[in-house]
Every structure is written in C-alpha cells, then in structure tokens.
Amino acid sequence: MQTSPKYQLLEAKAKIEWYCAYQERCDFEVRKKLHDWHMPYDHIDILISDLIVNNFLNEERFACAFVSGKFRIKKWGRIKIKQHLKQKRISDYSINKGMEEIDEDEYLEALNSLIESKSRLTKFKNKWDRRAKLTRYLASKGYESYLIGEALGEV
C-alpha cells in the first residue's frame, strides 16, 4: 500500500529549500528527508535537481563545511571524518577538497591538546597502560596510527 505524500510538490519545494538553507546538507540527507515525507521518486529527482540548480545543494561546499566543523569543534581526525563523509555518499573528489580545509600544524596541535587533556582526566597504572589508553582514545577520534605513535613517543 502506497502512503500519500506529506506535502504537495510546491509545498515540499519550499520546505526542503528552507531545510537546505538552514544548514549545509548533502544529497543523501535531502533524499532521506524527502523519502521520509513519502514523496514519489520522480518528485524527489525534480526537487534535488532544482536544489542543485539554485545552489541550495552543493556537495563540495557541504564537504568543506563538514570537515571544518568536525575538526575544529569535535577535534575529529581525518580517518573518522572520511568515514562519515563516505557514509553520506560524498564523492572522493569532494572529500579531498574538504580535507584541504585541515591545516597540518593545526591538526598536530589538536592531536597534542587531546593527549594533554585526556592525560589530565585519566588515571594510569603505568606508562604502558597510559600509552594503550591514549592510543585507543586517539584512534577512536580518527587520528592516524603513525601520528599517534609519533606524538606519544615525544610526550
């Protein structure tokens, strides 16, 4: 049984434009929202193409905003950011463009600040326990293992 759409085409267009204007969105998120509204597939395609033409939807711009926000606010590493972008079905080209937003010095500084803050908040039995806990924590944040090893070797 086919359920009727929540909104008519023009009403859905206005609402989805607001949805995209409020915050950067990707194609996947918009399609999911329209699908949740029970819009027919041909209407979804029409709305998506209209959003792209009117610059409400831009994959490259979304990737840059996503990378910038997740790195600067949540202090995520490159690995975790890439995984989340791939889950949102962002192209490799856009992912690479977004990754250019991360400055290498800023990245290493964020890594070291995470080590310092985690070290202050966590009790360690010995130096091996410390290294293991910090390695797991930084890996869960998405930092590369060779950078974690270098940073923990210096500290």
C-alpha atoms as a PDB file:
ATOM      1  CA  MET A   1       0.000   0.000   0.000  1.00  0.00           C
ATOM      2  CA  GLN A   2       1.433   3.363  -1.090  1.00  0.00           C
ATOM      3  CA  THR A   3       1.121   6.132   1.503  1.00  0.00           C
ATOM      4  CA  SER A   4       0.254   9.600   0.290  1.00  0.00           C
ATOM      5  CA  PRO A   5       2.947  12.291   0.350  1.00  0.00           C
ATOM      6  CA  LYS A   6       3.069  14.502   3.415  1.00  0.00           C
ATOM      7  CA  TYR A   7       3.337  17.635   1.204  1.00  0.00           C
ATOM      8  CA  GLN A   8       2.389  18.656  -2.318  1.00  0.00           C
ATOM      9  CA  LEU A   9       5.268  19.357  -4.725  1.00  0.00           C
ATOM     10  CA  LEU A  10       5.371  23.162  -4.312  1.00  0.00           C
ATOM     11  CA  GLU A  11       4.956  22.969  -0.546  1.00  0.00           C
ATOM     12  CA  ALA A  12       7.708  20.345  -0.347  1.00  0.00           C
ATOM     13  CA  LYS A  13       9.930  22.559  -2.514  1.00  0.00           C
ATOM     14  CA  ALA A  14       9.584  25.486  -0.089  1.00  0.00           C
ATOM     15  CA  LYS A  15      10.173  23.298   2.961  1.00  0.00           C
ATOM     16  CA  ILE A  16      13.179  21.491   1.522  1.00  0.00           C
ATOM     17  CA  GLU A  17      14.722  24.807   0.398  1.00  0.00           C
ATOM     18  CA  TRP A  18      14.402  26.054   3.977  1.00  0.00           C
ATOM     19  CA  TYR A  19      15.891  22.762   5.217  1.00  0.00           C
ATOM     20  CA  CYS A  20      18.923  23.268   2.962  1.00  0.00           C
ATOM     21  CA  ALA A  21      19.248  26.997   3.701  1.00  0.00           C
ATOM     22  CA  TYR A  22      19.233  26.408   7.460  1.00  0.00           C
ATOM     23  CA  GLN A  23      22.352  24.218   7.355  1.00  0.00           C
ATOM     24  CA  GLU A  24      24.608  22.708   4.700  1.00  0.00           C
ATOM     25  CA  ARG A  25      23.119  19.421   3.545  1.00  0.00           C
ATOM     26  CA  CYS A  26      24.221  16.677   1.202  1.00  0.00           C
ATOM     27  CA  ASP A  27      22.219  14.882  -1.466  1.00  0.00           C
ATOM     28  CA  PHE A  28      21.875  11.792   0.745  1.00  0.00           C
ATOM     29  CA  GLU A  29      20.347  13.735   3.671  1.00  0.00           C
ATOM     30  CA  VAL A  30      17.898  15.568   1.410  1.00  0.00           C
ATOM     31  CA  ARG A  31      16.823  12.372  -0.349  1.00  0.00           C
ATOM     32  CA  LYS A  32      16.299  10.716   3.027  1.00  0.00           C
ATOM     33  CA  LYS A  33      14.173  13.640   4.250  1.00  0.00           C
ATOM     34  CA  LEU A  34      12.064  13.618   1.083  1.00  0.00           C
ATOM     35  CA  HIS A  35      11.699   9.862   1.330  1.00  0.00           C
ATOM     36  CA  ASP A  36      10.514  10.269   4.950  1.00  0.00           C
ATOM     37  CA  TRP A  37       7.869  12.664   3.607  1.00  0.00           C
ATOM     38  CA  HIS A  38       6.706   9.830   1.267  1.00  0.00           C
ATOM     39  CA  MET A  39       7.455  11.872  -1.852  1.00  0.00           C
ATOM     40  CA  PRO A  40       7.334   9.914  -5.127  1.00  0.00           C
ATOM     41  CA  TYR A  41      10.737   9.171  -6.655  1.00  0.00           C
ATOM     42  CA  ASP A  42      10.104  11.339  -9.725  1.00  0.00           C
ATOM     43  CA  HIS A  43       9.281  14.311  -7.441  1.00  0.00           C
ATOM     44  CA  ILE A  44      12.417  13.654  -5.391  1.00  0.00           C
ATOM     45  CA  ASP A  45      14.544  13.817  -8.553  1.00  0.00           C
ATOM     46  CA  ILE A  46      12.844  17.037  -9.648  1.00  0.00           C
ATOM     47  CA  LEU A  47      13.359  18.651  -6.251  1.00  0.00           C
ATOM     48  CA  ILE A  48      17.001  17.549  -5.984  1.00  0.00           C
ATOM     49  CA  SER A  49      17.862  18.896  -9.435  1.00  0.00           C
ATOM     50  CA  ASP A  50      16.082  22.171  -8.599  1.00  0.00           C
ATOM     51  CA  LEU A  51      18.076  22.485  -5.352  1.00  0.00           C
ATOM     52  CA  ILE A  52      21.341  21.931  -7.213  1.00  0.00           C
ATOM     53  CA  VAL A  53      20.482  24.448  -9.952  1.00  0.00           C
ATOM     54  CA  ASN A  54      19.507  27.083  -7.365  1.00  0.00           C
ATOM     55  CA  ASN A  55      22.672  26.371  -5.339  1.00  0.00           C
ATOM     56  CA  PHE A  56      20.855  25.165  -2.214  1.00  0.00           C
ATOM     57  CA  LEU A  57      22.707  21.889  -2.551  1.00  0.00           C
ATOM     58  CA  ASN A  58      26.436  21.717  -3.265  1.00  0.00           C
ATOM     59  CA  GLU A  59      28.398  18.573  -2.426  1.00  0.00           C
ATOM     60  CA  GLU A  60      31.809  20.268  -2.387  1.00  0.00           C
ATOM     61  CA  ARG A  61      30.596  23.098  -0.142  1.00  0.00           C
ATOM     62  CA  PHE A  62      28.984  20.526   2.189  1.00  0.00           C
ATOM     63  CA  ALA A  63      32.220  18.523   2.429  1.00  0.00           C
ATOM     64  CA  CYS A  64      34.259  21.638   3.277  1.00  0.00           C
ATOM     65  CA  ALA A  65      31.763  22.714   5.962  1.00  0.00           C
ATOM     66  CA  PHE A  66      31.536  19.189   7.406  1.00  0.00           C
ATOM     67  CA  VAL A  67      35.312  18.749   7.597  1.00  0.00           C
ATOM     68  CA  SER A  68      35.846  22.176   9.085  1.00  0.00           C
ATOM     69  CA  GLY A  69      33.164  21.719  11.731  1.00  0.00           C
ATOM     70  CA  LYS A  70      34.054  18.197  12.796  1.00  0.00           C
ATOM     71  CA  PHE A  71      37.752  19.010  13.027  1.00  0.00           C
ATOM     72  CA  ARG A  72      37.565  22.406  14.719  1.00  0.00           C
ATOM     73  CA  ILE A  73      34.659  21.716  17.061  1.00  0.00           C
ATOM     74  CA  LYS A  74      34.764  17.979  17.787  1.00  0.00           C
ATOM     75  CA  LYS A  75      38.510  17.519  17.167  1.00  0.00           C
ATOM     76  CA  TRP A  76      37.940  14.525  14.908  1.00  0.00           C
ATOM     77  CA  GLY A  77      40.837  13.084  12.931  1.00  0.00           C
ATOM     78  CA  ARG A  78      40.996  12.600   9.171  1.00  0.00           C
ATOM     79  CA  ILE A  79      40.040   8.906   9.263  1.00  0.00           C
ATOM     80  CA  LYS A  80      36.789   9.440  11.160  1.00  0.00           C
ATOM     81  CA  ILE A  81      35.846  12.447   9.031  1.00  0.00           C
ATOM     82  CA  LYS A  82      36.406  10.485   5.804  1.00  0.00           C
ATOM     83  CA  GLN A  83      34.350   7.553   7.089  1.00  0.00           C
ATOM     84  CA  HIS A  84      31.416   9.800   7.923  1.00  0.00           C
ATOM     85  CA  LEU A  85      31.587  11.551   4.559  1.00  0.00           C
ATOM     86  CA  LYS A  86      31.627   8.186   2.780  1.00  0.00           C
ATOM     87  CA  GLN A  87      28.556   7.139   4.797  1.00  0.00           C
ATOM     88  CA  LYS A  88      26.842  10.223   3.401  1.00  0.00           C
ATOM     89  CA  ARG A  89      27.867   9.086  -0.114  1.00  0.00           C
ATOM     90  CA  ILE A  90      30.098  12.077  -0.842  1.00  0.00           C
ATOM     91  CA  SER A  91      32.421  11.667  -3.842  1.00  0.00           C
ATOM     92  CA  ASP A  92      36.159  11.156  -3.339  1.00  0.00           C
ATOM     93  CA  TYR A  93      36.838  14.412  -5.178  1.00  0.00           C
ATOM     94  CA  SER A  94      34.662  16.382  -2.732  1.00  0.00           C
ATOM     95  CA  ILE A  95      36.145  14.557   0.248  1.00  0.00           C
ATOM     96  CA  ASN A  96      39.648  15.507  -0.885  1.00  0.00           C
ATOM     97  CA  LYS A  97      38.561  19.121  -1.406  1.00  0.00           C
ATOM     98  CA  GLY A  98      37.105  19.163   2.086  1.00  0.00           C
ATOM     99  CA  MET A  99      40.236  17.641   3.608  1.00  0.00           C
ATOM    100  CA  GLU A 100      42.219  20.591   2.271  1.00  0.00           C
ATOM    101  CA  GLU A 101      40.451  22.641   4.988  1.00  0.00           C
ATOM    102  CA  ILE A 102      42.640  20.981   7.634  1.00  0.00           C
ATOM    103  CA  ASP A 103      45.942  22.745   8.242  1.00  0.00           C
ATOM    104  CA  GLU A 104      48.718  20.267   9.113  1.00  0.00           C
ATOM    105  CA  ASP A 105      50.095  22.344  12.015  1.00  0.00           C
ATOM    106  CA  GLU A 106      46.604  22.832  13.432  1.00  0.00           C
ATOM    107  CA  TYR A 107      45.988  19.090  13.073  1.00  0.00           C
ATOM    108  CA  LEU A 108      49.099  18.158  15.071  1.00  0.00           C
ATOM    109  CA  GLU A 109      48.285  20.822  17.646  1.00  0.00           C
ATOM    110  CA  ALA A 110      44.789  19.337  18.083  1.00  0.00           C
ATOM    111  CA  LEU A 111      46.305  15.860  18.483  1.00  0.00           C
ATOM    112  CA  ASN A 112      48.675  17.073  21.187  1.00  0.00           C
ATOM    113  CA  SER A 113      45.949  19.011  23.010  1.00  0.00           C
ATOM    114  CA  LEU A 114      43.785  15.860  23.073  1.00  0.00           C
ATOM    115  CA  ILE A 115      46.705  13.926  24.563  1.00  0.00           C
ATOM    116  CA  GLU A 116      47.200  16.565  27.259  1.00  0.00           C
ATOM    117  CA  SER A 117      43.526  16.840  28.186  1.00  0.00           C
ATOM    118  CA  LYS A 118      42.997  13.057  28.264  1.00  0.00           C
ATOM    119  CA  SER A 119      46.173  12.616  30.337  1.00  0.00           C
ATOM    120  CA  ARG A 120      44.883  15.082  32.945  1.00  0.00           C
ATOM    121  CA  LEU A 121      41.494  13.377  33.200  1.00  0.00           C
ATOM    122  CA  THR A 122      42.560   9.726  33.243  1.00  0.00           C
ATOM    123  CA  LYS A 123      44.403   7.662  35.848  1.00  0.00           C
ATOM    124  CA  PHE A 124      47.081   5.319  34.543  1.00  0.00           C
ATOM    125  CA  LYS A 125      48.674   2.314  36.268  1.00  0.00           C
ATOM    126  CA  ASN A 126      51.984   2.625  34.415  1.00  0.00           C
ATOM    127  CA  LYS A 127      53.461   4.012  31.187  1.00  0.00           C
ATOM    128  CA  TRP A 128      52.217   1.064  29.080  1.00  0.00           C
ATOM    129  CA  ASP A 129      48.678   1.478  30.391  1.00  0.00           C
ATOM    130  CA  ARG A 130      48.919   5.188  29.611  1.00  0.00           C
ATOM    131  CA  ARG A 131      50.114   4.560  26.078  1.00  0.00           C
ATOM    132  CA  ALA A 132      47.408   1.934  25.440  1.00  0.00           C
ATOM    133  CA  LYS A 133      44.572   4.106  26.739  1.00  0.00           C
ATOM    134  CA  LEU A 134      45.724   7.188  24.858  1.00  0.00           C
ATOM    135  CA  THR A 135      46.227   5.182  21.649  1.00  0.00           C
ATOM    136  CA  ARG A 136      42.699   3.739  21.838  1.00  0.00           C
ATOM    137  CA  TYR A 137      41.214   7.148  22.589  1.00  0.00           C
ATOM    138  CA  LEU A 138      43.018   8.909  19.728  1.00  0.00           C
ATOM    139  CA  ALA A 139      42.239   6.080  17.304  1.00  0.00           C
ATOM    140  CA  SER A 140      38.538   6.388  18.228  1.00  0.00           C
ATOM    141  CA  LYS A 141      38.789  10.100  17.412  1.00  0.00           C
ATOM    142  CA  GLY A 142      40.066   9.131  13.941  1.00  0.00           C
ATOM    143  CA  TYR A 143      43.737  10.020  14.086  1.00  0.00           C
ATOM    144  CA  GLU A 144      46.306   8.084  12.070  1.00  0.00           C
ATOM    145  CA  SER A 145      48.269   5.442  13.987  1.00  0.00           C
ATOM    146  CA  TYR A 146      51.673   6.697  12.824  1.00  0.00           C
ATOM    147  CA  LEU A 147      50.868  10.207  14.093  1.00  0.00           C
ATOM    148  CA  ILE A 148      49.619   8.801  17.396  1.00  0.00           C
ATOM    149  CA  GLY A 149      52.847   6.821  17.778  1.00  0.00           C
ATOM    150  CA  GLU A 150      54.982   9.861  16.990  1.00  0.00           C
ATOM    151  CA  ALA A 151      53.024  12.108  19.357  1.00  0.00           C
ATOM    152  CA  LEU A 152      53.103   9.613  22.237  1.00  0.00           C
ATOM    153  CA  GLY A 153      56.805   8.995  21.652  1.00  0.00           C
ATOM    154  CA  GLU A 154      57.532  12.707  22.101  1.00  0.00           C
ATOM    155  CA  VAL A 155      55.382  13.185  25.211  1.00  0.00           C
END
